[in-house]
Amino acid sequence: MSLANNHEQRLDRLFADYRTACPDPEPGANFMPALWQRIEARRNPALQWVALSRRALVGALALCLVLGFVMGTALSSSQFYQSTYIEALDDDAAPEDLAAMHPVSMETAGGSGGAATEQK
């Protein structure tokens, strides 16, 4: 029993020392603003940069997601991506058709060793 009584006395002494070291603050009208001023005074400027960079990272991630969604919906509604490769080739003008639309004469191509240019 003496051992348990000794532990209780040591615990009571510890609590008494704690009460004298850390007195209860007097609550008043200015208690919370003063507490926040002390907290803000102890803040590290490097931690403020870390918090700012985290916010910027979250904002950039949100912007990327929004732009990805917008671009994804814009491209999915595009007629270009609705057709297959073969259909796209079929819709394009064939090289033979392009040659018929823009005929090349021998004179403009520089044909037979420059003889056509000498006749001009």
N, C-alpha and C. Protein backbone atom coordinates (compact mmCIF):
# COMPACT_ATOMS: atom_id res chain seq x y z
N MET A 1 0.81 -1.20 0.00
CA MET A 1 0.00 0.00 0.00
C MET A 1 0.85 1.26 0.00
N SER A 2 1.95 1.17 0.57
CA SER A 2 2.83 2.31 0.66
C SER A 2 3.31 2.73 -0.73
N LEU A 3 3.51 1.72 -1.61
CA LEU A 3 3.94 2.02 -2.98
C LEU A 3 2.87 2.78 -3.75
N ALA A 4 1.62 2.35 -3.64
CA ALA A 4 0.52 3.03 -4.32
C ALA A 4 0.33 4.42 -3.75
N ASN A 5 0.48 4.57 -2.44
CA ASN A 5 0.34 5.87 -1.79
C ASN A 5 1.46 6.80 -2.25
N ASN A 6 2.67 6.26 -2.42
CA ASN A 6 3.81 7.03 -2.89
C ASN A 6 3.57 7.53 -4.31
N HIS A 7 3.00 6.68 -5.17
CA HIS A 7 2.70 7.09 -6.56
C HIS A 7 1.64 8.19 -6.59
N GLU A 8 0.65 8.08 -5.72
CA GLU A 8 -0.39 9.10 -5.67
C GLU A 8 0.19 10.44 -5.22
N GLN A 9 1.08 10.42 -4.26
CA GLN A 9 1.69 11.66 -3.78
C GLN A 9 2.56 12.29 -4.88
N ARG A 10 3.29 11.46 -5.60
CA ARG A 10 4.12 11.98 -6.70
C ARG A 10 3.24 12.57 -7.80
N LEU A 11 2.11 11.89 -8.09
CA LEU A 11 1.18 12.39 -9.11
C LEU A 11 0.56 13.71 -8.67
N ASP A 12 0.18 13.79 -7.39
CA ASP A 12 -0.39 15.05 -6.88
C ASP A 12 0.64 16.18 -6.96
N ARG A 13 1.89 15.87 -6.63
CA ARG A 13 2.95 16.86 -6.73
C ARG A 13 3.16 17.31 -8.18
N LEU A 14 3.09 16.36 -9.10
CA LEU A 14 3.25 16.68 -10.52
C LEU A 14 2.14 17.60 -11.00
N PHE A 15 0.89 17.31 -10.61
CA PHE A 15 -0.22 18.18 -11.01
C PHE A 15 -0.09 19.57 -10.39
N ALA A 16 0.36 19.65 -9.14
CA ALA A 16 0.54 20.95 -8.48
C ALA A 16 1.63 21.75 -9.19
N ASP A 17 2.72 21.08 -9.56
CA ASP A 17 3.79 21.79 -10.30
C ASP A 17 3.29 22.26 -11.66
N TYR A 18 2.45 21.45 -12.30
CA TYR A 18 1.90 21.83 -13.60
C TYR A 18 1.00 23.06 -13.47
N ARG A 19 0.18 23.10 -12.42
CA ARG A 19 -0.72 24.25 -12.22
C ARG A 19 0.06 25.53 -11.96
N THR A 20 1.15 25.42 -11.25
CA THR A 20 1.94 26.64 -10.99
C THR A 20 2.72 27.06 -12.24
N ALA A 21 3.15 26.09 -13.06
CA ALA A 21 3.90 26.43 -14.27
C ALA A 21 2.99 26.96 -15.36
N CYS A 22 1.80 26.46 -15.44
CA CYS A 22 0.85 26.86 -16.49
C CYS A 22 -0.45 27.33 -15.84
N PRO A 23 -0.50 28.58 -15.43
CA PRO A 23 -1.75 29.04 -14.80
C PRO A 23 -2.86 29.15 -15.84
N ASP A 24 -4.08 29.07 -15.36
CA ASP A 24 -5.23 29.22 -16.26
C ASP A 24 -5.29 30.65 -16.77
N PRO A 25 -5.48 30.81 -18.09
CA PRO A 25 -5.57 32.18 -18.62
C PRO A 25 -6.87 32.83 -18.18
N GLU A 26 -6.78 34.11 -17.99
CA GLU A 26 -7.98 34.86 -17.61
C GLU A 26 -8.79 35.14 -18.86
N PRO A 27 -9.97 34.56 -18.96
CA PRO A 27 -10.78 34.84 -20.15
C PRO A 27 -11.33 36.27 -20.08
N GLY A 28 -11.28 36.90 -21.22
CA GLY A 28 -11.80 38.26 -21.29
C GLY A 28 -12.28 38.53 -22.71
N ALA A 29 -12.64 39.75 -22.95
CA ALA A 29 -13.17 40.13 -24.26
C ALA A 29 -12.08 40.06 -25.33
N ASN A 30 -10.83 40.21 -24.93
CA ASN A 30 -9.74 40.25 -25.89
C ASN A 30 -8.95 38.94 -25.93
N PHE A 31 -9.49 37.89 -25.32
CA PHE A 31 -8.75 36.64 -25.21
C PHE A 31 -8.48 36.00 -26.56
N MET A 32 -9.50 35.77 -27.38
CA MET A 32 -9.31 35.10 -28.67
C MET A 32 -8.50 35.94 -29.66
N PRO A 33 -8.75 37.24 -29.80
CA PRO A 33 -7.89 38.00 -30.72
C PRO A 33 -6.42 38.00 -30.29
N ALA A 34 -6.15 38.08 -29.00
CA ALA A 34 -4.77 38.04 -28.53
C ALA A 34 -4.15 36.67 -28.79
N LEU A 35 -4.93 35.62 -28.60
CA LEU A 35 -4.43 34.27 -28.87
C LEU A 35 -4.07 34.12 -30.34
N TRP A 36 -4.93 34.61 -31.24
CA TRP A 36 -4.63 34.50 -32.67
C TRP A 36 -3.43 35.35 -33.06
N GLN A 37 -3.25 36.49 -32.41
CA GLN A 37 -2.07 37.32 -32.69
C GLN A 37 -0.79 36.59 -32.30
N ARG A 38 -0.82 35.88 -31.17
CA ARG A 38 0.37 35.12 -30.76
C ARG A 38 0.62 33.96 -31.72
N ILE A 39 -0.44 33.31 -32.18
CA ILE A 39 -0.28 32.20 -33.13
C ILE A 39 0.29 32.71 -34.44
N GLU A 40 -0.24 33.81 -34.96
CA GLU A 40 0.25 34.38 -36.22
C GLU A 40 1.69 34.87 -36.10
N ALA A 41 2.07 35.37 -34.93
CA ALA A 41 3.44 35.85 -34.74
C ALA A 41 4.45 34.70 -34.80
N ARG A 42 4.04 33.51 -34.44
CA ARG A 42 4.94 32.35 -34.44
C ARG A 42 4.99 31.63 -35.78
N ARG A 43 4.16 32.00 -36.70
CA ARG A 43 4.14 31.30 -38.00
C ARG A 43 5.43 31.53 -38.75
N ASN A 44 5.88 30.49 -39.40
CA ASN A 44 7.12 30.52 -40.16
C ASN A 44 6.82 30.98 -41.60
N PRO A 45 7.55 31.96 -42.14
CA PRO A 45 7.28 32.40 -43.52
C PRO A 45 7.48 31.28 -44.54
N ALA A 46 8.39 30.34 -44.27
CA ALA A 46 8.60 29.23 -45.21
C ALA A 46 7.35 28.36 -45.29
N LEU A 47 6.67 28.21 -44.17
CA LEU A 47 5.44 27.40 -44.19
C LEU A 47 4.33 28.09 -44.98
N GLN A 48 4.36 29.42 -44.98
CA GLN A 48 3.37 30.15 -45.78
C GLN A 48 3.61 29.90 -47.27
N TRP A 49 4.89 29.81 -47.68
CA TRP A 49 5.19 29.51 -49.09
C TRP A 49 4.74 28.10 -49.44
N VAL A 50 4.90 27.19 -48.52
CA VAL A 50 4.46 25.81 -48.76
C VAL A 50 2.95 25.77 -48.94
N ALA A 51 2.24 26.47 -48.09
CA ALA A 51 0.77 26.50 -48.20
C ALA A 51 0.35 27.16 -49.51
N LEU A 52 1.04 28.23 -49.90
CA LEU A 52 0.71 28.91 -51.16
C LEU A 52 0.99 28.00 -52.36
N SER A 53 2.11 27.28 -52.31
CA SER A 53 2.43 26.39 -53.44
C SER A 53 1.44 25.23 -53.52
N ARG A 54 0.97 24.75 -52.39
CA ARG A 54 -0.05 23.69 -52.41
C ARG A 54 -1.34 24.20 -53.04
N ARG A 55 -1.71 25.41 -52.69
CA ARG A 55 -2.94 25.98 -53.29
C ARG A 55 -2.77 26.15 -54.80
N ALA A 56 -1.59 26.60 -55.22
CA ALA A 56 -1.33 26.77 -56.65
C ALA A 56 -1.35 25.42 -57.36
N LEU A 57 -0.83 24.40 -56.73
CA LEU A 57 -0.83 23.06 -57.32
C LEU A 57 -2.25 22.54 -57.47
N VAL A 58 -3.07 22.73 -56.47
CA VAL A 58 -4.47 22.29 -56.56
C VAL A 58 -5.20 23.07 -57.64
N GLY A 59 -4.94 24.37 -57.74
CA GLY A 59 -5.57 25.18 -58.79
C GLY A 59 -5.15 24.74 -60.18
N ALA A 60 -3.86 24.43 -60.36
CA ALA A 60 -3.38 23.97 -61.66
C ALA A 60 -3.99 22.61 -62.02
N LEU A 61 -4.11 21.74 -61.03
CA LEU A 61 -4.73 20.44 -61.27
C LEU A 61 -6.19 20.60 -61.67
N ALA A 62 -6.91 21.48 -60.98
CA ALA A 62 -8.31 21.72 -61.32
C ALA A 62 -8.43 22.30 -62.72
N LEU A 63 -7.54 23.22 -63.07
CA LEU A 63 -7.57 23.82 -64.41
C LEU A 63 -7.30 22.76 -65.48
N CYS A 64 -6.33 21.88 -65.24
CA CYS A 64 -6.04 20.81 -66.20
C CYS A 64 -7.22 19.88 -66.38
N LEU A 65 -7.89 19.55 -65.28
CA LEU A 65 -9.05 18.67 -65.39
C LEU A 65 -10.18 19.34 -66.17
N VAL A 66 -10.42 20.61 -65.90
CA VAL A 66 -11.48 21.33 -66.62
C VAL A 66 -11.15 21.43 -68.10
N LEU A 67 -9.91 21.80 -68.43
CA LEU A 67 -9.52 21.92 -69.84
C LEU A 67 -9.54 20.56 -70.53
N GLY A 68 -9.13 19.52 -69.83
CA GLY A 68 -9.20 18.17 -70.41
C GLY A 68 -10.63 17.77 -70.70
N PHE A 69 -11.53 18.09 -69.80
CA PHE A 69 -12.94 17.77 -70.03
C PHE A 69 -13.50 18.56 -71.21
N VAL A 70 -13.17 19.86 -71.26
CA VAL A 70 -13.66 20.71 -72.36
C VAL A 70 -13.11 20.22 -73.70
N MET A 71 -11.81 19.95 -73.75
CA MET A 71 -11.21 19.48 -75.00
C MET A 71 -11.75 18.10 -75.38
N GLY A 72 -11.98 17.25 -74.40
CA GLY A 72 -12.50 15.92 -74.69
C GLY A 72 -13.90 15.98 -75.28
N THR A 73 -14.74 16.85 -74.74
CA THR A 73 -16.09 16.96 -75.28
C THR A 73 -16.08 17.66 -76.63
N ALA A 74 -15.17 18.62 -76.83
CA ALA A 74 -15.11 19.32 -78.11
C ALA A 74 -14.63 18.39 -79.22
N LEU A 75 -13.63 17.56 -78.92
CA LEU A 75 -13.09 16.67 -79.94
C LEU A 75 -14.03 15.49 -80.22
N SER A 76 -14.78 15.07 -79.21
CA SER A 76 -15.68 13.95 -79.45
C SER A 76 -16.87 14.36 -80.31
N SER A 77 -17.21 15.64 -80.29
CA SER A 77 -18.32 16.10 -81.12
C SER A 77 -17.86 16.51 -82.51
N SER A 78 -16.58 16.49 -82.75
CA SER A 78 -16.05 16.88 -84.05
C SER A 78 -16.34 15.81 -85.09
N GLN A 79 -16.69 16.23 -86.29
CA GLN A 79 -16.99 15.29 -87.37
C GLN A 79 -15.73 14.60 -87.85
N PHE A 80 -14.58 15.22 -87.66
CA PHE A 80 -13.33 14.65 -88.13
C PHE A 80 -13.05 13.32 -87.45
N TYR A 81 -13.33 13.23 -86.18
CA TYR A 81 -13.03 12.00 -85.45
C TYR A 81 -14.18 11.00 -85.49
N GLN A 82 -15.25 11.33 -86.17
CA GLN A 82 -16.37 10.41 -86.27
C GLN A 82 -16.21 9.44 -87.43
N SER A 83 -15.30 9.72 -88.34
CA SER A 83 -15.13 8.85 -89.50
C SER A 83 -13.88 8.00 -89.33
N THR A 84 -13.85 6.89 -90.07
CA THR A 84 -12.68 6.02 -90.01
C THR A 84 -11.61 6.54 -90.96
N TYR A 85 -10.45 5.94 -90.91
CA TYR A 85 -9.34 6.35 -91.75
C TYR A 85 -9.68 6.16 -93.23
N ILE A 86 -10.32 5.06 -93.56
CA ILE A 86 -10.69 4.78 -94.95
C ILE A 86 -11.72 5.78 -95.44
N GLU A 87 -12.68 6.13 -94.59
CA GLU A 87 -13.68 7.12 -95.00
C GLU A 87 -13.05 8.49 -95.21
N ALA A 88 -12.09 8.84 -94.38
CA ALA A 88 -11.41 10.13 -94.53
C ALA A 88 -10.61 10.16 -95.83
N LEU A 89 -9.96 9.06 -96.17
CA LEU A 89 -9.23 8.99 -97.43
C LEU A 89 -10.18 9.05 -98.62
N ASP A 90 -11.32 8.43 -98.49
CA ASP A 90 -12.30 8.42 -99.57
C ASP A 90 -12.88 9.82 -99.79
N ASP A 91 -13.03 10.58 -98.72
CA ASP A 91 -13.58 11.93 -98.85
C ASP A 91 -12.57 12.89 -99.46
N ASP A 92 -11.29 12.66 -99.27
CA ASP A 92 -10.26 13.54 -99.82
C ASP A 92 -10.20 13.37 -101.34
N ALA A 93 -9.70 14.42 -101.98
CA ALA A 93 -9.54 14.35 -103.43
C ALA A 93 -8.36 13.43 -103.76
N ALA A 94 -8.53 12.59 -104.73
CA ALA A 94 -7.47 11.67 -105.15
C ALA A 94 -6.38 12.46 -105.86
N PRO A 95 -5.12 11.97 -105.83
CA PRO A 95 -4.04 12.68 -106.52
C PRO A 95 -4.32 12.86 -108.01
N GLU A 96 -5.02 11.91 -108.61
CA GLU A 96 -5.34 12.07 -110.03
C GLU A 96 -6.28 13.24 -110.24
N ASP A 97 -7.22 13.43 -109.33
CA ASP A 97 -8.15 14.55 -109.44
C ASP A 97 -7.42 15.88 -109.26
N LEU A 98 -6.46 15.91 -108.35
CA LEU A 98 -5.70 17.13 -108.14
C LEU A 98 -4.88 17.49 -109.38
N ALA A 99 -4.32 16.48 -110.04
CA ALA A 99 -3.54 16.74 -111.25
C ALA A 99 -4.44 17.27 -112.36
N ALA A 100 -5.68 16.81 -112.42
CA ALA A 100 -6.60 17.29 -113.45
C ALA A 100 -7.02 18.73 -113.18
N MET A 101 -7.07 19.09 -111.90
CA MET A 101 -7.48 20.45 -111.56
C MET A 101 -6.36 21.45 -111.83
N HIS A 102 -5.11 21.03 -111.76
CA HIS A 102 -3.97 21.91 -111.97
C HIS A 102 -3.06 21.30 -113.04
N PRO A 103 -3.41 21.46 -114.31
CA PRO A 103 -2.58 20.85 -115.34
C PRO A 103 -1.23 21.55 -115.44
N VAL A 104 -0.21 20.77 -115.70
CA VAL A 104 1.14 21.28 -115.83
C VAL A 104 1.54 21.15 -117.29
N SER A 105 1.90 22.28 -117.88
CA SER A 105 2.32 22.22 -119.28
C SER A 105 3.82 22.01 -119.33
N MET A 106 4.29 21.59 -120.44
CA MET A 106 5.72 21.35 -120.60
C MET A 106 6.50 22.67 -120.54
N GLU A 107 5.85 23.76 -120.92
CA GLU A 107 6.54 25.05 -120.93
C GLU A 107 6.81 25.53 -119.50
N THR A 108 5.81 25.37 -118.63
CA THR A 108 6.02 25.85 -117.26
C THR A 108 6.87 24.91 -116.47
N ALA A 109 6.95 23.64 -116.88
CA ALA A 109 7.76 22.66 -116.14
C ALA A 109 9.20 22.72 -116.59
N GLY A 110 9.54 23.41 -117.64
CA GLY A 110 10.90 23.49 -118.12
C GLY A 110 11.26 22.31 -118.99
N GLY A 111 10.33 21.62 -119.51
CA GLY A 111 10.34 20.44 -120.37
C GLY A 111 11.62 20.05 -121.06
N SER A 112 11.73 20.13 -122.36
CA SER A 112 12.76 19.47 -123.15
C SER A 112 14.03 20.31 -123.21
N GLY A 113 14.80 20.29 -122.15
CA GLY A 113 16.12 20.91 -122.15
C GLY A 113 16.10 22.40 -122.36
N GLY A 114 15.05 23.07 -122.04
CA GLY A 114 15.02 24.52 -122.15
C GLY A 114 14.62 25.02 -123.51
N ALA A 115 14.24 24.17 -124.40
CA ALA A 115 13.84 24.60 -125.75
C ALA A 115 12.57 25.41 -125.69
N ALA A 116 11.67 25.11 -124.77
CA ALA A 116 10.41 25.82 -124.69
C ALA A 116 10.65 27.23 -124.18
N THR A 117 11.60 27.42 -123.33
CA THR A 117 11.84 28.76 -122.82
C THR A 117 12.55 29.64 -123.85
N GLU A 118 13.28 29.03 -124.76
CA GLU A 118 13.96 29.81 -125.78
C GLU A 118 12.99 30.33 -126.83
N GLN A 119 11.86 29.65 -127.02
CA GLN A 119 10.89 30.07 -128.02
C GLN A 119 10.14 31.33 -127.57
N LYS A 120 10.12 31.61 -126.33
CA LYS A 120 9.37 32.78 -125.84
C LYS A 120 10.04 33.99 -126.22
